[in-house]
N, C-alpha and C. Protein backbone atom coordinates (compact mmCIF):
# COMPACT_ATOMS: atom_id res chain seq x y z
N MET A 1 107.95 97.40 133.54
CA MET A 1 107.32 97.78 132.54
C MET A 1 106.93 97.13 131.12
N ALA A 2 105.98 96.58 130.70
CA ALA A 2 106.07 95.90 129.61
C ALA A 2 106.14 96.67 128.35
N ARG A 3 106.86 96.30 127.41
CA ARG A 3 106.96 97.10 126.09
C ARG A 3 106.04 96.60 125.20
N VAL A 4 105.87 97.77 124.83
CA VAL A 4 104.64 97.81 123.79
C VAL A 4 105.42 98.03 122.63
N ILE A 5 105.14 97.05 121.94
CA ILE A 5 105.23 96.56 120.46
C ILE A 5 104.33 96.81 119.38
N THR A 6 104.35 97.69 118.06
CA THR A 6 103.46 97.77 117.22
C THR A 6 104.04 97.71 115.80
N THR A 7 103.33 96.67 115.07
CA THR A 7 103.59 96.28 113.83
C THR A 7 102.67 96.54 112.89
N GLY A 8 103.12 97.08 111.84
CA GLY A 8 102.00 97.18 110.59
C GLY A 8 102.55 96.96 109.48
N ILE A 9 101.64 96.33 108.65
CA ILE A 9 101.92 95.95 107.00
C ILE A 9 101.12 96.85 106.22
N ASP A 10 101.96 97.20 104.96
CA ASP A 10 101.02 98.05 104.22
C ASP A 10 101.11 97.43 102.80
N VAL A 11 99.85 96.61 102.21
CA VAL A 11 100.17 95.83 101.29
C VAL A 11 99.92 96.52 99.80
N GLY A 12 100.45 96.72 98.99
CA GLY A 12 100.54 97.37 97.47
C GLY A 12 100.43 96.73 96.33
N SER A 13 100.60 97.16 95.39
CA SER A 13 100.47 96.74 94.62
C SER A 13 102.14 96.30 93.74
N SER A 14 103.16 97.21 94.16
CA SER A 14 104.31 97.56 93.78
C SER A 14 105.07 96.72 95.03
N THR A 15 104.83 96.82 96.07
CA THR A 15 105.44 96.48 97.39
C THR A 15 104.69 96.33 98.77
N VAL A 16 105.31 95.36 99.31
CA VAL A 16 104.92 95.10 100.69
C VAL A 16 105.72 95.77 101.57
N ARG A 17 105.33 96.31 102.63
CA ARG A 17 106.19 97.43 103.63
C ARG A 17 105.48 96.83 105.38
N VAL A 18 106.84 96.30 106.05
CA VAL A 18 106.22 95.65 106.84
C VAL A 18 107.16 96.71 108.15
N VAL A 19 106.44 97.28 109.01
CA VAL A 19 107.80 98.52 110.11
C VAL A 19 107.34 97.63 111.57
N THR A 20 108.29 97.43 112.43
CA THR A 20 107.89 97.00 113.99
C THR A 20 108.28 98.28 114.55
N ALA A 21 107.64 99.09 115.69
CA ALA A 21 108.24 100.00 116.40
C ALA A 21 107.81 99.58 117.87
N GLU A 22 108.69 99.91 118.64
CA GLU A 22 108.78 100.44 120.06
C GLU A 22 107.93 101.61 120.56
N GLN A 23 106.97 101.53 121.54
CA GLN A 23 106.73 102.88 122.01
C GLN A 23 107.34 103.07 123.17
N LYS A 24 108.17 104.25 123.21
CA LYS A 24 109.00 104.92 124.40
C LYS A 24 108.37 105.15 125.55
N LYS A 25 108.51 105.36 126.66
CA LYS A 25 107.61 106.22 127.55
C LYS A 25 107.28 107.62 127.21
N ASP A 26 108.15 108.00 126.51
CA ASP A 26 107.61 109.78 126.16
C ASP A 26 106.42 109.74 125.38
N GLY A 27 106.24 108.16 124.49
CA GLY A 27 104.94 108.41 123.82
C GLY A 27 105.66 108.70 122.27
N SER A 28 107.20 108.49 122.13
CA SER A 28 107.64 108.66 120.63
C SER A 28 107.80 106.95 119.98
N LEU A 29 108.07 107.06 119.18
CA LEU A 29 108.10 105.58 118.51
C LEU A 29 109.85 105.41 118.26
N ASN A 30 110.04 104.19 118.61
CA ASN A 30 111.80 103.40 118.35
C ASN A 30 111.59 102.52 117.21
N ILE A 31 112.03 102.71 115.91
CA ILE A 31 111.45 101.69 114.68
C ILE A 31 112.63 100.49 115.04
N LEU A 32 112.50 99.60 115.33
CA LEU A 32 113.22 98.18 115.24
C LEU A 32 113.24 97.19 113.82
N ALA A 33 112.34 97.49 113.25
CA ALA A 33 112.82 96.79 111.69
C ALA A 33 111.84 97.43 110.77
N ALA A 34 112.20 97.72 109.70
CA ALA A 34 111.45 98.36 108.58
C ALA A 34 111.80 97.46 107.20
N VAL A 35 110.94 96.76 106.71
CA VAL A 35 111.45 95.78 105.53
C VAL A 35 110.23 96.51 104.40
N GLN A 36 110.65 96.13 103.06
CA GLN A 36 110.46 96.60 102.12
C GLN A 36 110.43 95.10 100.52
N LYS A 37 109.39 94.46 100.44
CA LYS A 37 109.28 93.53 99.58
C LYS A 37 108.89 93.89 98.16
N GLU A 38 109.21 93.66 97.43
CA GLU A 38 108.25 93.21 95.86
C GLU A 38 107.33 92.72 95.66
N SER A 39 105.77 93.31 95.89
CA SER A 39 104.86 92.77 95.92
C SER A 39 104.35 91.83 94.88
N GLU A 40 103.62 90.61 95.38
CA GLU A 40 103.39 89.48 94.43
C GLU A 40 101.72 89.26 94.39
N GLY A 41 100.94 89.01 93.54
CA GLY A 41 99.77 88.63 93.78
C GLY A 41 98.40 89.72 93.93
N VAL A 42 99.58 90.91 93.78
CA VAL A 42 98.37 92.17 93.85
C VAL A 42 98.55 93.23 92.51
N LYS A 43 97.16 93.36 92.51
CA LYS A 43 97.02 94.21 90.80
C LYS A 43 96.07 95.35 91.11
N ARG A 44 96.55 96.60 91.11
CA ARG A 44 95.64 97.65 91.27
C ARG A 44 94.93 97.76 92.61
N GLY A 45 95.49 97.34 93.68
CA GLY A 45 95.19 97.57 94.89
C GLY A 45 94.33 96.18 95.72
N TYR A 46 94.33 95.36 94.88
CA TYR A 46 93.26 94.01 94.77
C TYR A 46 94.42 92.84 94.82
N ILE A 47 93.86 91.49 95.55
CA ILE A 47 94.31 90.55 95.43
C ILE A 47 94.11 90.05 94.18
N THR A 48 95.10 89.11 93.50
CA THR A 48 94.67 88.39 92.16
C THR A 48 95.08 86.81 92.87
N ASN A 49 95.92 86.85 93.69
CA ASN A 49 96.08 85.38 93.52
C ASN A 49 96.62 85.58 95.11
N LEU A 50 95.76 85.04 95.92
CA LEU A 50 95.88 85.05 97.57
C LEU A 50 96.93 84.19 98.24
N GLU A 51 97.53 82.72 97.70
CA GLU A 51 98.41 82.17 97.75
C GLU A 51 100.26 82.87 97.64
N ILE A 52 99.69 83.40 96.64
CA ILE A 52 101.27 84.39 96.18
C ILE A 52 101.38 85.50 97.03
N ALA A 53 100.30 86.29 97.44
CA ALA A 53 100.25 87.30 98.19
C ALA A 53 100.96 87.41 99.52
N ALA A 54 100.18 85.88 99.96
CA ALA A 54 100.51 85.71 101.50
C ALA A 54 101.77 85.28 101.69
N LYS A 55 102.13 84.80 100.58
CA LYS A 55 103.84 84.09 100.81
C LYS A 55 104.62 85.42 100.88
N THR A 56 104.25 86.45 99.85
CA THR A 56 105.04 87.61 100.21
C THR A 56 104.96 88.65 101.17
N ILE A 57 103.69 88.26 101.96
CA ILE A 57 103.21 89.15 103.39
C ILE A 57 104.17 88.39 104.38
N ARG A 58 104.23 87.35 104.18
CA ARG A 58 105.01 86.13 105.25
C ARG A 58 106.15 86.50 105.24
N SER A 59 107.09 86.42 103.94
CA SER A 59 108.60 86.67 104.06
C SER A 59 109.04 88.10 104.38
N ALA A 60 108.08 89.03 103.89
CA ALA A 60 108.31 90.48 104.99
C ALA A 60 108.46 90.32 106.53
N VAL A 61 107.08 89.74 107.14
CA VAL A 61 107.16 89.52 107.86
C VAL A 61 108.46 88.88 108.98
N LYS A 62 108.50 87.37 108.02
CA LYS A 62 110.06 87.04 109.03
C LYS A 62 111.30 88.07 108.66
N SER A 63 111.42 88.80 107.70
CA SER A 63 112.23 89.82 107.49
C SER A 63 112.38 90.66 108.81
N ALA A 64 111.18 90.99 108.84
CA ALA A 64 111.08 92.02 110.12
C ALA A 64 111.52 91.22 111.46
N GLU A 65 111.06 90.11 111.52
CA GLU A 65 111.36 89.40 113.18
C GLU A 65 112.70 89.32 113.04
N LYS A 66 113.54 88.57 111.90
CA LYS A 66 114.84 88.42 111.99
C LYS A 66 115.71 89.56 112.55
N ILE A 67 115.41 91.04 111.63
CA ILE A 67 116.06 92.28 111.85
C ILE A 67 115.80 92.51 113.20
N SER A 68 114.33 92.56 113.88
CA SER A 68 114.11 93.13 115.46
C SER A 68 114.32 91.98 116.38
N ASN A 69 114.67 90.89 115.99
CA ASN A 69 114.89 90.16 116.68
C ASN A 69 113.43 89.60 117.97
N LEU A 70 112.39 89.51 117.21
CA LEU A 70 111.19 89.37 117.55
C LEU A 70 110.04 88.86 116.91
N SER A 71 109.44 87.84 117.50
CA SER A 71 108.63 87.19 117.21
C SER A 71 107.57 87.53 117.07
N ILE A 72 106.69 88.20 115.64
CA ILE A 72 105.58 88.91 115.37
C ILE A 72 104.26 88.17 115.36
N LYS A 73 103.45 88.20 116.55
CA LYS A 73 102.16 87.31 117.03
C LYS A 73 100.56 87.79 116.47
N ARG A 74 100.91 89.32 116.55
CA ARG A 74 99.93 90.22 116.53
C ARG A 74 99.93 91.97 115.34
N VAL A 75 99.35 91.98 114.22
CA VAL A 75 99.78 93.27 113.79
C VAL A 75 98.63 94.25 113.87
N THR A 76 99.25 95.18 114.23
CA THR A 76 98.09 96.43 114.77
C THR A 76 97.14 97.07 113.64
N TYR A 77 98.20 97.01 112.48
CA TYR A 77 97.55 97.83 111.19
C TYR A 77 98.24 97.46 110.19
N VAL A 78 97.03 97.12 109.26
CA VAL A 78 97.34 96.48 107.96
C VAL A 78 96.31 97.53 107.41
N SER A 79 96.96 97.99 105.91
CA SER A 79 96.38 98.90 104.84
C SER A 79 97.02 97.85 103.31
N LEU A 80 95.50 97.90 103.08
CA LEU A 80 95.21 97.12 101.63
C LEU A 80 93.95 97.89 101.15
N LEU A 81 93.99 98.45 99.70
CA LEU A 81 92.91 98.73 99.23
C LEU A 81 91.25 98.06 99.32
N TYR A 82 91.82 96.74 99.10
CA TYR A 82 90.54 96.08 98.98
C TYR A 82 90.05 95.74 100.42
N ILE A 83 90.62 95.91 101.34
CA ILE A 83 90.07 95.58 102.55
C ILE A 83 89.06 96.62 103.06
N PHE A 84 90.07 97.86 102.90
CA PHE A 84 89.37 98.93 103.34
C PHE A 84 88.19 99.25 102.56
N THR A 85 88.15 98.71 101.25
CA THR A 85 86.72 98.98 99.94
C THR A 85 85.85 97.96 100.69
N PHE A 86 86.20 97.09 100.88
CA PHE A 86 85.41 96.13 101.61
C PHE A 86 84.21 96.21 102.67
N GLN A 87 85.35 96.90 103.64
CA GLN A 87 84.60 97.34 104.78
C GLN A 87 83.98 98.87 104.86
N TYR A 88 84.26 99.41 103.95
CA TYR A 88 83.41 100.71 104.22
C TYR A 88 82.51 100.96 103.23
N PHE A 89 82.78 100.44 101.79
CA PHE A 89 81.78 100.57 100.93
C PHE A 89 81.25 99.03 100.34
N PRO A 90 80.49 98.82 101.40
CA PRO A 90 79.62 97.34 101.12
C PRO A 90 79.04 97.17 99.70
């Protein structure tokens, strides 16, 4: 059976967090990597500098890849106030 790997990113004003987990056969999750980096380019939940914010996110993802010994190709969940505000409150 193929491994079920899930990665989530939380982009906040103070930190960027990346968690990578593998779903076990019983449905529970095994955390493979959990990374927290100081957030840059984000203020009060809004991206103020896209280039700097993207660099911070890429750095956190690369750290998670190194810790988990996996190549992260897809993110299942992204949390960022601006995205949710834009999607749900146009």
